[in-house]
Amino acid sequence: MTLTRRDTLILAASASIASFYGLGAAQAQEGTTKDVAKLAEVALPDRVLGPADAKVTVIEYASPTCPHCAVFSNEVYPQFKIDYIDTGKVKFILRPFVRNVLDAVVFMLAIAAGDEQYHTVIETFFKTQDQWGTSETPRDAILGIAKQLGFTDQTFDAALTNQELFAAMETMRQQALDEFKLEGTPTFYINGKQLTGNKTLEQLKTEIDPLLA
């Protein structure tokens, strides 16, 4: 997939939430453990929440157009953040898994907003997924939300013409599929252990708490 200026500035309605890269429901990799060092070798710098020396590292690969990712962000993550990130128990990393042009746009805006606003931008787009994800004019819908986050027409357009950034996200997507055996979104790696799909706070606690003992 090549991101052109027309893709980023027009965002045709065909690039809606329905037009994503399909991932199978199989979870053969559930519970397998990946090399932690290899998980750290990715094409883009991680935006980390929590202490660098936390005993537990949780990596989430997310797609902004994924309904399951939105459920996690909106319903599970707030309490997870309070219990584990804010208390310094967990280092949390949210990485892009780009399934379509709209996913790319949201992460390009988040990265352009800077490290301090990165997670806020992504969380905002998850909260408003039903507004822009199925819109017949997704560019206008996304721009409207971006302006509420401080973007202007000029900074919005500038963020979406970063071809180098887009290429890096494409590299990360392919690496996640080929090397880390990602099977769907969201996918979590907890100290390297892979968990795929909807996870409740209790399911995450079951995995994390023994690592903190």
Protein backbone atom coordinates (compact mmCIF):
# COMPACT_ATOMS: atom_id res chain seq x y z
CA MET A 1 0.00 0.00 0.00
CA THR A 2 1.40 3.37 -1.00
CA LEU A 3 0.14 6.50 0.69
CA THR A 4 -0.23 9.30 -1.84
CA ARG A 5 -1.08 12.94 -1.26
CA ARG A 6 -4.52 12.23 -2.65
CA ASP A 7 -5.00 9.39 -0.15
CA THR A 8 -4.08 11.53 2.81
CA LEU A 9 -5.82 14.74 1.88
CA ILE A 10 -9.00 13.40 0.32
CA LEU A 11 -9.50 10.05 2.11
CA ALA A 12 -12.19 8.65 -0.16
CA ALA A 13 -15.20 7.11 1.49
CA SER A 14 -14.17 3.68 0.23
CA ALA A 15 -11.39 3.75 2.84
CA SER A 16 -13.93 3.33 5.61
CA ILE A 17 -13.97 1.04 8.59
CA ALA A 18 -15.22 -1.80 6.39
CA SER A 19 -12.24 -1.74 4.05
CA PHE A 20 -9.55 -3.10 6.35
CA TYR A 21 -6.93 -5.79 6.04
CA GLY A 22 -8.64 -8.97 7.16
CA LEU A 23 -7.06 -10.98 9.96
CA GLY A 24 -8.25 -14.45 10.81
CA ALA A 25 -9.89 -15.35 14.09
CA ALA A 26 -7.45 -18.20 14.75
CA GLN A 27 -5.44 -17.80 17.94
CA ALA A 28 -2.76 -20.45 17.55
CA GLN A 29 -0.23 -18.02 19.01
CA GLU A 30 -2.23 -17.30 22.16
CA GLY A 31 0.01 -17.84 25.17
CA THR A 32 3.24 -18.26 23.22
CA THR A 33 6.30 -16.27 24.25
CA LYS A 34 8.32 -14.06 21.91
CA ASP A 35 11.90 -12.90 22.28
CA VAL A 36 11.73 -9.69 24.34
CA ALA A 37 14.85 -8.28 22.67
CA LYS A 38 13.35 -8.77 19.21
CA LEU A 39 10.08 -7.19 20.32
CA ALA A 40 12.09 -4.05 21.12
CA GLU A 41 13.63 -3.82 17.64
CA VAL A 42 10.99 -1.94 15.67
CA ALA A 43 10.96 0.74 12.98
CA LEU A 44 9.53 3.57 15.10
CA PRO A 45 10.49 4.86 18.56
CA ASP A 46 8.08 3.68 21.25
CA ARG A 47 6.01 6.22 23.17
CA VAL A 48 6.25 4.78 26.67
CA LEU A 49 3.98 5.28 29.66
CA GLY A 50 5.24 4.21 33.06
CA PRO A 51 8.77 3.76 34.42
CA ALA A 52 11.48 2.45 32.12
CA ASP A 53 12.60 -0.05 34.78
CA ALA A 54 9.15 -1.49 35.54
CA LYS A 55 9.15 -5.25 36.18
CA VAL A 56 6.44 -5.78 33.56
CA THR A 57 6.27 -4.44 30.01
CA VAL A 58 2.95 -4.51 28.19
CA ILE A 59 3.01 -3.86 24.45
CA GLU A 60 -0.29 -3.38 22.63
CA TYR A 61 -0.60 -3.44 18.85
CA ALA A 62 -3.75 -1.54 18.00
CA SER A 63 -5.74 -0.43 14.98
CA PRO A 64 -7.86 2.73 15.34
CA THR A 65 -10.59 1.26 13.11
CA CYS A 66 -10.76 -1.98 15.13
CA PRO A 67 -13.93 -2.12 17.29
CA HIS A 68 -12.26 -4.50 19.77
CA CYS A 69 -9.37 -2.06 20.21
CA ALA A 70 -11.89 0.70 20.90
CA VAL A 71 -13.58 -1.41 23.56
CA PHE A 72 -10.25 -1.99 25.28
CA SER A 73 -9.27 1.68 25.08
CA ASN A 74 -12.64 2.98 26.26
CA GLU A 75 -13.67 0.38 28.82
CA VAL A 76 -10.60 -1.49 30.10
CA TYR A 77 -7.61 0.79 29.67
CA PRO A 78 -8.70 3.63 32.05
CA GLN A 79 -8.71 1.34 35.09
CA PHE A 80 -5.67 -0.57 33.81
CA LYS A 81 -3.80 2.75 33.69
CA ILE A 82 -4.81 3.61 37.25
CA ASP A 83 -3.91 0.19 38.64
CA TYR A 84 -0.70 -0.52 36.78
CA ILE A 85 0.77 2.41 34.86
CA ASP A 86 0.14 5.24 37.31
CA THR A 87 1.43 3.07 40.18
CA GLY A 88 4.68 2.35 38.35
CA LYS A 89 4.09 -1.39 38.12
CA VAL A 90 3.93 -1.56 34.31
CA LYS A 91 5.66 0.04 31.37
CA PHE A 92 3.00 0.39 28.66
CA ILE A 93 3.67 0.77 24.94
CA LEU A 94 0.95 1.36 22.32
CA ARG A 95 2.12 0.56 18.79
CA PRO A 96 0.41 1.07 15.44
CA PHE A 97 -0.91 -1.84 13.45
CA VAL A 98 -2.06 -0.17 10.25
CA ARG A 99 -4.85 -2.07 8.49
CA ASN A 100 -6.01 0.73 6.21
CA VAL A 101 -5.46 4.39 5.34
CA LEU A 102 -7.62 5.62 8.21
CA ASP A 103 -5.49 3.76 10.74
CA ALA A 104 -2.43 5.37 9.20
CA VAL A 105 -3.97 8.83 9.43
CA VAL A 106 -4.82 8.54 13.13
CA PHE A 107 -1.33 7.38 14.08
CA MET A 108 0.32 9.99 11.85
CA LEU A 109 -1.68 12.67 13.65
CA ALA A 110 -0.78 11.20 17.05
CA ILE A 111 2.91 11.16 16.25
CA ALA A 112 2.78 14.68 14.80
CA ALA A 113 1.12 15.89 18.02
CA GLY A 114 4.25 14.95 20.00
CA ASP A 115 5.03 12.48 22.75
CA GLU A 116 2.99 14.35 25.38
CA GLN A 117 -0.19 14.18 23.30
CA TYR A 118 0.38 10.87 21.49
CA HIS A 119 -1.86 8.76 23.72
CA THR A 120 -4.47 11.50 24.10
CA VAL A 121 -4.92 11.71 20.34
CA ILE A 122 -5.32 7.96 19.95
CA GLU A 123 -7.69 7.69 22.90
CA THR A 124 -9.81 10.50 21.47
CA PHE A 125 -10.15 8.77 18.12
CA PHE A 126 -11.12 5.53 19.83
CA LYS A 127 -13.83 7.38 21.76
CA THR A 128 -15.16 8.89 18.52
CA GLN A 129 -14.65 5.83 16.30
CA ASP A 130 -18.34 5.62 15.39
CA GLN A 131 -18.25 9.22 14.12
CA TRP A 132 -15.33 9.06 11.71
CA GLY A 133 -14.86 5.32 11.09
CA THR A 134 -18.03 4.88 9.07
CA SER A 135 -18.37 8.42 7.75
CA GLU A 136 -19.02 8.92 4.04
CA THR A 137 -16.61 11.85 4.26
CA PRO A 138 -13.90 10.48 6.58
CA ARG A 139 -11.41 13.27 5.86
CA ASP A 140 -13.86 15.90 7.07
CA ALA A 141 -14.81 13.85 10.11
CA ILE A 142 -11.20 13.22 11.09
CA LEU A 143 -10.23 16.84 10.47
CA GLY A 144 -13.05 18.04 12.72
CA ILE A 145 -11.82 15.88 15.60
CA ALA A 146 -8.20 16.83 14.92
CA LYS A 147 -9.08 20.52 15.20
CA GLN A 148 -10.55 19.87 18.64
CA LEU A 149 -7.12 18.46 19.53
CA GLY A 150 -5.33 21.61 18.38
CA PHE A 151 -4.59 20.89 14.73
CA THR A 152 -5.15 23.43 11.99
CA ASP A 153 -5.78 22.77 8.30
CA GLN A 154 -2.10 23.38 7.69
CA THR A 155 -0.71 21.16 10.46
CA PHE A 156 -3.24 18.45 9.59
CA ASP A 157 -2.12 18.38 5.96
CA ALA A 158 1.54 18.48 6.97
CA ALA A 159 1.12 15.51 9.31
CA LEU A 160 -0.43 13.40 6.59
CA THR A 161 2.27 13.90 3.97
CA ASN A 162 5.06 12.24 5.94
CA GLN A 163 5.84 9.37 3.58
CA GLU A 164 8.81 8.20 5.64
CA LEU A 165 6.60 7.77 8.70
CA PHE A 166 4.00 5.89 6.71
CA ALA A 167 6.65 3.53 5.33
CA ALA A 168 7.89 2.84 8.87
CA MET A 169 4.38 1.93 10.02
CA GLU A 170 4.08 -0.42 7.06
CA THR A 171 7.36 -2.04 8.12
CA MET A 172 6.06 -2.44 11.67
CA ARG A 173 2.85 -4.06 10.41
CA GLN A 174 4.74 -6.59 8.32
CA GLN A 175 7.18 -7.34 11.13
CA ALA A 176 4.32 -7.94 13.55
CA LEU A 177 2.78 -10.43 11.12
CA ASP A 178 5.96 -12.19 10.05
CA GLU A 179 8.16 -12.16 13.16
CA PHE A 180 5.77 -11.78 16.07
CA LYS A 181 2.95 -13.85 14.48
CA LEU A 182 0.29 -11.27 15.24
CA GLU A 183 -3.13 -12.75 14.42
CA GLY A 184 -5.56 -9.94 15.16
CA THR A 185 -6.07 -6.68 16.98
CA PRO A 186 -5.65 -5.85 19.70
CA THR A 187 -2.63 -8.05 20.43
CA PHE A 188 -0.75 -7.75 23.71
CA TYR A 189 2.75 -8.90 24.61
CA ILE A 190 3.22 -9.13 28.39
CA ASN A 191 6.94 -9.61 29.05
CA GLY A 192 6.88 -11.31 25.66
CA LYS A 193 3.80 -13.52 26.19
CA GLN A 194 1.28 -13.03 23.40
CA LEU A 195 -2.42 -12.49 24.08
CA THR A 196 -4.80 -11.76 21.22
CA GLY A 197 -8.23 -10.15 21.09
CA ASN A 198 -10.62 -8.82 23.70
CA LYS A 199 -9.11 -8.96 27.18
CA THR A 200 -10.80 -7.91 30.38
CA LEU A 201 -8.99 -6.22 33.22
CA GLU A 202 -9.22 -9.45 35.20
CA GLN A 203 -7.60 -11.43 32.39
CA LEU A 204 -4.73 -8.96 32.27
CA LYS A 205 -4.36 -9.01 36.05
CA THR A 206 -4.10 -12.81 35.93
CA GLU A 207 -1.10 -12.49 33.63
CA ILE A 208 0.56 -9.45 35.22
CA ASP A 209 0.19 -9.95 38.98
CA PRO A 210 2.34 -13.11 39.22
CA LEU A 211 5.14 -11.25 37.40
CA LEU A 212 5.04 -8.53 40.07
CA ALA A 213 5.25 -10.93 43.02
